[in-house]
Amino acid sequence: MTTMPTTRAEPVTERLRADWLKLRGSLFDPSTRLPALPSVIDDVRRRLEGGERLGLIYVDLSSQGEAERACGWQTHDEVVLRVAEELDRFSRQVLGRADALAQCAVRSDDFVLFVDAEAGERLQRLHEEVESRLHQALSEIADLDAAPPVDSAVALLQVEPTMRIERAI
């Protein structure tokens, strides 16, 4: 019986691939396929430091940690996926290319939209449209009666010399 000689490159290639998959897994949610906040934070920082006015629309499904307990993990996962899909659709249909959507962390149940906020009323209109779209999308989930409501908030971001951008967000 003969065996094929292995080269030293094979273990290195496998290790690099494993490292790449681990990195990708920490930067993109496998279920929603959305980037995690660390994937977009450098771009947001550059834009803010460059003088752009950015608004943030924050969507929180956790309701202080009670959401999953209230409706069960299956329904909660369905809600997270439905919200991610709707936010992604909204981002592609309504927002500009420079605007960004991210999940706060991999497998989290909160999301952020960074939008051009030169006109403050635009930010408020976008927030109202997000809320309306999410209400409509979630009304189609049968087991949602027991789930806490989706919380959302809006804020204008600005560079604070004494505070990191991540903390300001």
Protein backbone atom coordinates (compact mmCIF):
# COMPACT_ATOMS: atom_id res chain seq x y z
CA MET A 1 0.00 0.00 0.00
CA THR A 2 1.38 3.36 -0.98
CA THR A 3 0.51 6.64 0.55
CA MET A 4 0.72 9.98 -1.07
CA PRO A 5 3.33 12.25 0.39
CA THR A 6 1.90 15.30 2.11
CA THR A 7 3.43 18.65 1.63
CA ARG A 8 4.01 21.21 4.31
CA ALA A 9 1.69 23.59 2.42
CA GLU A 10 -1.43 21.50 3.10
CA PRO A 11 -1.49 22.02 6.89
CA VAL A 12 -0.73 25.73 6.41
CA THR A 13 -3.55 26.08 3.88
CA GLU A 14 -5.97 24.26 6.16
CA ARG A 15 -4.94 26.43 9.09
CA LEU A 16 -5.35 29.62 7.05
CA ARG A 17 -8.78 28.49 5.90
CA ALA A 18 -9.79 27.67 9.49
CA ASP A 19 -8.54 31.07 10.67
CA TRP A 20 -10.40 32.81 7.85
CA LEU A 21 -13.64 30.97 8.69
CA LYS A 22 -13.22 31.87 12.37
CA LEU A 23 -12.67 35.54 11.49
CA ARG A 24 -15.63 35.57 9.11
CA GLY A 25 -17.77 33.93 11.80
CA SER A 26 -16.95 36.74 14.20
CA LEU A 27 -17.74 39.48 11.67
CA PHE A 28 -20.89 38.15 9.94
CA ASP A 29 -23.92 36.53 11.51
CA PRO A 30 -24.41 33.07 9.96
CA SER A 31 -28.23 33.21 10.17
CA THR A 32 -28.96 36.75 9.02
CA ARG A 33 -25.82 37.13 6.89
CA LEU A 34 -25.52 40.69 8.14
CA PRO A 35 -22.22 42.20 9.18
CA ALA A 36 -21.57 42.65 12.87
CA LEU A 37 -20.90 46.16 14.15
CA PRO A 38 -17.09 45.72 14.19
CA SER A 39 -17.25 45.19 10.41
CA VAL A 40 -18.64 48.67 9.76
CA ILE A 41 -17.31 50.72 12.68
CA ASP A 42 -14.12 51.91 10.92
CA ASP A 43 -16.14 53.28 8.00
CA VAL A 44 -18.53 55.02 10.41
CA ARG A 45 -15.58 56.50 12.31
CA ARG A 46 -13.96 57.79 9.08
CA ARG A 47 -17.22 59.37 7.96
CA LEU A 48 -17.80 61.09 11.32
CA GLU A 49 -14.21 62.31 11.55
CA GLY A 50 -14.55 63.57 7.97
CA GLY A 51 -17.33 65.87 9.08
CA GLU A 52 -20.39 63.93 7.94
CA ARG A 53 -23.52 64.03 10.06
CA LEU A 54 -24.71 60.51 10.66
CA GLY A 55 -27.88 59.32 12.27
CA LEU A 56 -28.34 56.01 13.97
CA ILE A 57 -31.53 53.98 14.03
CA TYR A 58 -31.33 51.31 16.70
CA VAL A 59 -33.67 48.30 16.74
CA ASP A 60 -33.76 46.14 19.87
CA LEU A 61 -35.63 42.84 20.06
CA SER A 62 -34.43 41.74 23.47
CA SER A 63 -36.71 43.86 25.67
CA GLN A 64 -34.15 43.72 28.46
CA GLY A 65 -33.57 39.98 27.99
CA GLU A 66 -37.21 38.94 28.29
CA ALA A 67 -38.03 38.42 24.61
CA GLU A 68 -36.73 34.88 24.21
CA ARG A 69 -38.22 33.75 27.50
CA ALA A 70 -41.62 35.26 26.64
CA CYS A 71 -42.12 33.64 23.25
CA GLY A 72 -39.65 30.74 23.13
CA TRP A 73 -36.37 30.53 21.30
CA GLN A 74 -37.86 29.27 18.02
CA THR A 75 -40.23 32.20 17.69
CA HIS A 76 -37.56 34.62 18.87
CA ASP A 77 -35.14 33.31 16.23
CA GLU A 78 -37.86 33.70 13.61
CA VAL A 79 -38.45 37.28 14.75
CA VAL A 80 -34.72 38.08 14.57
CA LEU A 81 -34.50 36.63 11.07
CA ARG A 82 -37.63 38.43 9.89
CA VAL A 83 -36.39 41.76 11.27
CA ALA A 84 -32.98 41.26 9.65
CA GLU A 85 -34.60 40.49 6.30
CA GLU A 86 -36.86 43.53 6.50
CA LEU A 87 -34.04 45.85 7.55
CA ASP A 88 -31.86 44.53 4.73
CA ARG A 89 -34.71 45.07 2.24
CA PHE A 90 -35.27 48.58 3.60
CA SER A 91 -31.54 49.32 3.36
CA ARG A 92 -31.37 48.20 -0.27
CA GLN A 93 -34.63 49.91 -1.35
CA VAL A 94 -34.54 53.19 0.55
CA LEU A 95 -31.09 54.02 1.84
CA GLY A 96 -28.06 55.23 -0.07
CA ARG A 97 -25.03 53.12 -0.80
CA ALA A 98 -23.00 54.89 1.86
CA ASP A 99 -25.51 54.05 4.57
CA ALA A 100 -24.81 50.91 6.58
CA LEU A 101 -26.77 48.18 8.35
CA ALA A 102 -25.22 45.95 10.99
CA GLN A 103 -26.13 43.59 13.78
CA CYS A 104 -24.64 44.78 17.06
CA ALA A 105 -22.87 41.42 17.45
CA VAL A 106 -22.96 37.98 15.90
CA ARG A 107 -26.14 36.16 17.02
CA SER A 108 -27.48 39.25 18.76
CA ASP A 109 -31.02 40.54 18.57
CA ASP A 110 -30.28 44.21 18.08
CA PHE A 111 -29.46 46.10 14.91
CA VAL A 112 -28.14 49.50 13.87
CA LEU A 113 -28.67 51.51 10.71
CA PHE A 114 -26.23 54.34 10.06
CA VAL A 115 -27.77 56.92 7.75
CA ASP A 116 -26.82 60.26 6.26
CA ALA A 117 -28.46 62.78 8.57
CA GLU A 118 -27.78 66.14 6.95
CA ALA A 119 -31.47 66.82 7.33
CA GLY A 120 -32.72 65.82 10.78
CA GLU A 121 -36.28 65.36 9.55
CA ARG A 122 -35.05 62.70 7.10
CA LEU A 123 -33.74 60.67 10.03
CA GLN A 124 -37.11 60.86 11.78
CA ARG A 125 -38.98 59.86 8.58
CA LEU A 126 -36.64 56.88 8.08
CA HIS A 127 -37.17 55.83 11.70
CA GLU A 128 -40.95 55.96 11.28
CA GLU A 129 -40.73 53.94 8.06
CA VAL A 130 -38.53 51.32 9.75
CA GLU A 131 -41.04 50.98 12.59
CA SER A 132 -43.93 50.66 10.15
CA ARG A 133 -42.18 48.04 8.02
CA LEU A 134 -41.17 45.99 11.07
CA HIS A 135 -44.69 46.11 12.51
CA GLN A 136 -46.08 44.86 9.19
CA ALA A 137 -43.44 42.13 8.80
CA LEU A 138 -43.89 40.86 12.36
CA SER A 139 -47.69 40.87 12.21
CA GLU A 140 -47.39 37.80 9.98
CA ILE A 141 -45.78 35.67 12.70
CA ALA A 142 -48.45 33.59 14.42
CA ASP A 143 -46.82 33.05 17.84
CA LEU A 144 -45.85 36.67 18.32
CA ASP A 145 -48.67 37.53 20.73
CA ALA A 146 -46.55 36.53 23.73
CA ALA A 147 -43.45 38.39 22.55
CA PRO A 148 -42.52 41.80 23.93
CA PRO A 149 -42.67 44.65 21.41
CA VAL A 150 -39.77 45.73 19.25
CA ASP A 151 -38.02 48.75 20.73
CA SER A 152 -36.30 51.29 18.52
CA ALA A 153 -34.57 54.60 18.98
CA VAL A 154 -32.96 57.26 16.87
CA ALA A 155 -29.94 59.48 17.54
CA LEU A 156 -27.58 61.86 15.80
CA LEU A 157 -23.95 60.82 16.07
CA GLN A 158 -21.07 63.20 16.48
CA VAL A 159 -17.38 63.00 17.17
CA GLU A 160 -16.57 63.53 20.83
CA PRO A 161 -12.82 63.99 21.34
CA THR A 162 -12.95 62.43 24.82
CA MET A 163 -15.04 59.41 23.84
CA ARG A 164 -14.46 56.48 21.49
CA ILE A 165 -16.91 56.16 18.60
CA GLU A 166 -17.90 52.67 19.80
CA ARG A 167 -18.90 54.06 23.18
CA ALA A 168 -20.84 56.92 21.61
CA ILE A 169 -22.80 54.43 19.54
